[in-house]
Amino acid sequence: MLTHDDDSDMKRVEFDFSRATRAKGPRFPEGFEIRIDDATGYSLRLIPSNKVLGRFTSTRDTWPAVIAEIERGIPARCLVLDAHFADGDRERIGSGRILEATARAGIGQAVTRLPARAAS
């Protein structure tokens, strides 16, 4: 798609970022839960072996397990959170560093930003 700046009815909006401030604490200090429609349960598994590390009734119950596995030395990229449905299907909810950040925010911890890695 080509865009041209000579369109007279489009106005460019400038935002003054000098007044913006970064949040000091967690966004949800009391924690939160993710609910998937029609999900009957959730499981945390280890990849590539697909070993199930735990089964849970809600994602709020999974957050401490995710943090415990990471603190135990399991790399975040090896953890996957799945939702299970009544018909036997399962669907991946999250994995890797995003799952770790979500788990930390889900229990009310401040999420630390990791430095960006260079592509290899």
C-alpha atoms as a PDB file:
ATOM      1  CA  MET A   1       0.000   0.000   0.000  1.00  0.00           C
ATOM      2  CA  LEU A   2       1.384   3.359  -1.006  1.00  0.00           C
ATOM      3  CA  THR A   3       0.749   6.418   1.097  1.00  0.00           C
ATOM      4  CA  HIS A   4       1.321   9.973   0.000  1.00  0.00           C
ATOM      5  CA  ASP A   5       1.766  13.018   2.227  1.00  0.00           C
ATOM      6  CA  ASP A   6       0.030  15.334  -0.237  1.00  0.00           C
ATOM      7  CA  ASP A   7      -3.438  14.286   0.961  1.00  0.00           C
ATOM      8  CA  SER A   8      -4.932  17.544   2.196  1.00  0.00           C
ATOM      9  CA  ASP A   9      -7.660  16.072   4.438  1.00  0.00           C
ATOM     10  CA  MET A  10      -5.228  14.026   6.575  1.00  0.00           C
ATOM     11  CA  LYS A  11      -3.716  15.832   9.519  1.00  0.00           C
ATOM     12  CA  ARG A  12      -0.600  14.581  11.242  1.00  0.00           C
ATOM     13  CA  VAL A  13      -1.008  14.465  15.026  1.00  0.00           C
ATOM     14  CA  GLU A  14       2.091  15.078  17.080  1.00  0.00           C
ATOM     15  CA  PHE A  15       2.258  13.708  20.620  1.00  0.00           C
ATOM     16  CA  ASP A  16       4.366  15.400  23.267  1.00  0.00           C
ATOM     17  CA  PHE A  17       6.282  12.518  24.883  1.00  0.00           C
ATOM     18  CA  SER A  18       8.149  14.849  27.253  1.00  0.00           C
ATOM     19  CA  ARG A  19       5.278  14.629  29.755  1.00  0.00           C
ATOM     20  CA  ALA A  20       4.978  10.823  29.588  1.00  0.00           C
ATOM     21  CA  THR A  21       6.154   8.813  32.592  1.00  0.00           C
ATOM     22  CA  ARG A  22       6.767   5.098  33.003  1.00  0.00           C
ATOM     23  CA  ALA A  23       4.637   3.241  35.529  1.00  0.00           C
ATOM     24  CA  LYS A  24       6.478   2.485  38.765  1.00  0.00           C
ATOM     25  CA  GLY A  25       4.693  -0.658  39.930  1.00  0.00           C
ATOM     26  CA  PRO A  26       2.748  -3.580  38.524  1.00  0.00           C
ATOM     27  CA  ARG A  27      -0.256  -2.750  36.397  1.00  0.00           C
ATOM     28  CA  PHE A  28      -2.521  -5.135  38.332  1.00  0.00           C
ATOM     29  CA  PRO A  29      -1.248  -5.164  41.939  1.00  0.00           C
ATOM     30  CA  GLU A  30      -3.860  -7.729  42.993  1.00  0.00           C
ATOM     31  CA  GLY A  31      -3.074 -10.052  40.063  1.00  0.00           C
ATOM     32  CA  PHE A  32      -5.363 -11.301  37.333  1.00  0.00           C
ATOM     33  CA  GLU A  33      -6.685 -14.392  35.618  1.00  0.00           C
ATOM     34  CA  ILE A  34      -7.114 -15.308  31.965  1.00  0.00           C
ATOM     35  CA  ARG A  35     -10.365 -17.091  31.101  1.00  0.00           C
ATOM     36  CA  ILE A  36     -10.827 -18.955  27.844  1.00  0.00           C
ATOM     37  CA  ASP A  37     -14.412 -19.604  26.697  1.00  0.00           C
ATOM     38  CA  ASP A  38     -15.519 -23.237  27.215  1.00  0.00           C
ATOM     39  CA  ALA A  39     -12.168 -24.279  28.758  1.00  0.00           C
ATOM     40  CA  THR A  40     -12.575 -26.954  31.430  1.00  0.00           C
ATOM     41  CA  GLY A  41      -8.993 -26.826  32.692  1.00  0.00           C
ATOM     42  CA  TYR A  42      -5.448 -25.696  32.059  1.00  0.00           C
ATOM     43  CA  SER A  43      -2.103 -27.484  32.017  1.00  0.00           C
ATOM     44  CA  LEU A  44       1.524 -26.453  32.148  1.00  0.00           C
ATOM     45  CA  ARG A  45       3.823 -28.593  30.027  1.00  0.00           C
ATOM     46  CA  LEU A  46       7.499 -28.838  29.282  1.00  0.00           C
ATOM     47  CA  ILE A  47       8.673 -28.867  25.679  1.00  0.00           C
ATOM     48  CA  PRO A  48      10.127 -30.627  23.704  1.00  0.00           C
ATOM     49  CA  SER A  49       9.243 -33.661  25.863  1.00  0.00           C
ATOM     50  CA  ASN A  50       5.548 -32.597  26.273  1.00  0.00           C
ATOM     51  CA  LYS A  51       5.697 -33.711  29.906  1.00  0.00           C
ATOM     52  CA  VAL A  52       2.761 -32.228  31.843  1.00  0.00           C
ATOM     53  CA  LEU A  53       4.071 -30.430  34.918  1.00  0.00           C
ATOM     54  CA  GLY A  54       0.653 -29.679  36.385  1.00  0.00           C
ATOM     55  CA  ARG A  55      -3.078 -29.459  35.724  1.00  0.00           C
ATOM     56  CA  PHE A  56      -5.099 -26.544  37.059  1.00  0.00           C
ATOM     57  CA  THR A  57      -8.693 -25.352  37.204  1.00  0.00           C
ATOM     58  CA  SER A  58      -7.839 -21.698  36.544  1.00  0.00           C
ATOM     59  CA  THR A  59      -4.937 -19.685  35.201  1.00  0.00           C
ATOM     60  CA  ARG A  60      -4.684 -17.854  38.531  1.00  0.00           C
ATOM     61  CA  ASP A  61      -3.575 -21.201  39.997  1.00  0.00           C
ATOM     62  CA  THR A  62      -0.954 -21.701  37.271  1.00  0.00           C
ATOM     63  CA  TRP A  63       0.988 -18.475  37.799  1.00  0.00           C
ATOM     64  CA  PRO A  64       2.865 -19.618  40.951  1.00  0.00           C
ATOM     65  CA  ALA A  65       3.732 -22.923  39.217  1.00  0.00           C
ATOM     66  CA  VAL A  66       5.186 -21.101  36.203  1.00  0.00           C
ATOM     67  CA  ILE A  67       7.325 -18.869  38.442  1.00  0.00           C
ATOM     68  CA  ALA A  68       8.440 -21.864  40.541  1.00  0.00           C
ATOM     69  CA  GLU A  69       9.596 -23.786  37.447  1.00  0.00           C
ATOM     70  CA  ILE A  70      11.547 -20.786  36.153  1.00  0.00           C
ATOM     71  CA  GLU A  71      13.179 -20.221  39.530  1.00  0.00           C
ATOM     72  CA  ARG A  72      14.003 -23.943  39.629  1.00  0.00           C
ATOM     73  CA  GLY A  73      16.097 -23.439  36.495  1.00  0.00           C
ATOM     74  CA  ILE A  74      13.731 -24.443  33.685  1.00  0.00           C
ATOM     75  CA  PRO A  75      14.129 -21.947  30.804  1.00  0.00           C
ATOM     76  CA  ALA A  76      10.985 -19.936  30.087  1.00  0.00           C
ATOM     77  CA  ARG A  77      11.134 -20.919  26.404  1.00  0.00           C
ATOM     78  CA  CYS A  78      10.536 -24.559  27.441  1.00  0.00           C
ATOM     79  CA  LEU A  79       7.202 -23.877  29.205  1.00  0.00           C
ATOM     80  CA  VAL A  80       3.789 -23.916  27.503  1.00  0.00           C
ATOM     81  CA  LEU A  81       0.372 -23.164  29.015  1.00  0.00           C
ATOM     82  CA  ASP A  82      -2.540 -25.019  27.386  1.00  0.00           C
ATOM     83  CA  ALA A  83      -6.320 -24.756  27.741  1.00  0.00           C
ATOM     84  CA  HIS A  84      -8.313 -28.015  27.700  1.00  0.00           C
ATOM     85  CA  PHE A  85     -11.875 -28.330  26.427  1.00  0.00           C
ATOM     86  CA  ALA A  86     -14.702 -30.791  27.105  1.00  0.00           C
ATOM     87  CA  ASP A  87     -14.382 -32.428  23.670  1.00  0.00           C
ATOM     88  CA  GLY A  88     -10.737 -33.362  24.349  1.00  0.00           C
ATOM     89  CA  ASP A  89      -9.116 -30.586  22.324  1.00  0.00           C
ATOM     90  CA  ARG A  90      -6.348 -28.452  23.716  1.00  0.00           C
ATOM     91  CA  GLU A  91      -5.125 -25.056  22.636  1.00  0.00           C
ATOM     92  CA  ARG A  92      -1.909 -23.255  23.471  1.00  0.00           C
ATOM     93  CA  ILE A  93      -2.459 -20.065  25.469  1.00  0.00           C
ATOM     94  CA  GLY A  94       1.092 -18.873  25.897  1.00  0.00           C
ATOM     95  CA  SER A  95       4.721 -19.856  26.107  1.00  0.00           C
ATOM     96  CA  GLY A  96       8.227 -18.536  26.567  1.00  0.00           C
ATOM     97  CA  ARG A  97       9.167 -15.158  27.946  1.00  0.00           C
ATOM     98  CA  ILE A  98       5.668 -13.797  27.365  1.00  0.00           C
ATOM     99  CA  LEU A  99       4.265 -16.570  29.591  1.00  0.00           C
ATOM    100  CA  GLU A 100       6.809 -15.670  32.280  1.00  0.00           C
ATOM    101  CA  ALA A 101       5.932 -11.965  32.107  1.00  0.00           C
ATOM    102  CA  THR A 102       2.208 -12.766  32.173  1.00  0.00           C
ATOM    103  CA  ALA A 103       2.666 -15.067  35.180  1.00  0.00           C
ATOM    104  CA  ARG A 104       4.624 -12.440  37.101  1.00  0.00           C
ATOM    105  CA  ALA A 105       2.014  -9.788  36.337  1.00  0.00           C
ATOM    106  CA  GLY A 106      -0.731 -12.312  37.136  1.00  0.00           C
ATOM    107  CA  ILE A 107       0.413 -12.616  40.735  1.00  0.00           C
ATOM    108  CA  GLY A 108       1.103  -8.899  41.096  1.00  0.00           C
ATOM    109  CA  GLN A 109       4.895  -8.876  40.719  1.00  0.00           C
ATOM    110  CA  ALA A 110       6.622  -6.166  38.759  1.00  0.00           C
ATOM    111  CA  VAL A 111       7.748  -7.439  35.385  1.00  0.00           C
ATOM    112  CA  THR A 112      11.351  -6.678  34.561  1.00  0.00           C
ATOM    113  CA  ARG A 113      12.148  -5.968  30.944  1.00  0.00           C
ATOM    114  CA  LEU A 114      14.825  -8.189  29.488  1.00  0.00           C
ATOM    115  CA  PRO A 115      17.344  -6.632  27.131  1.00  0.00           C
ATOM    116  CA  ALA A 116      16.609  -7.239  23.469  1.00  0.00           C
ATOM    117  CA  ARG A 117      18.701  -9.963  21.875  1.00  0.00           C
ATOM    118  CA  ALA A 118      20.409  -9.501  18.559  1.00  0.00           C
ATOM    119  CA  ALA A 119      19.117 -11.730  15.789  1.00  0.00           C
ATOM    120  CA  SER A 120      21.447 -14.539  14.867  1.00  0.00           C
END
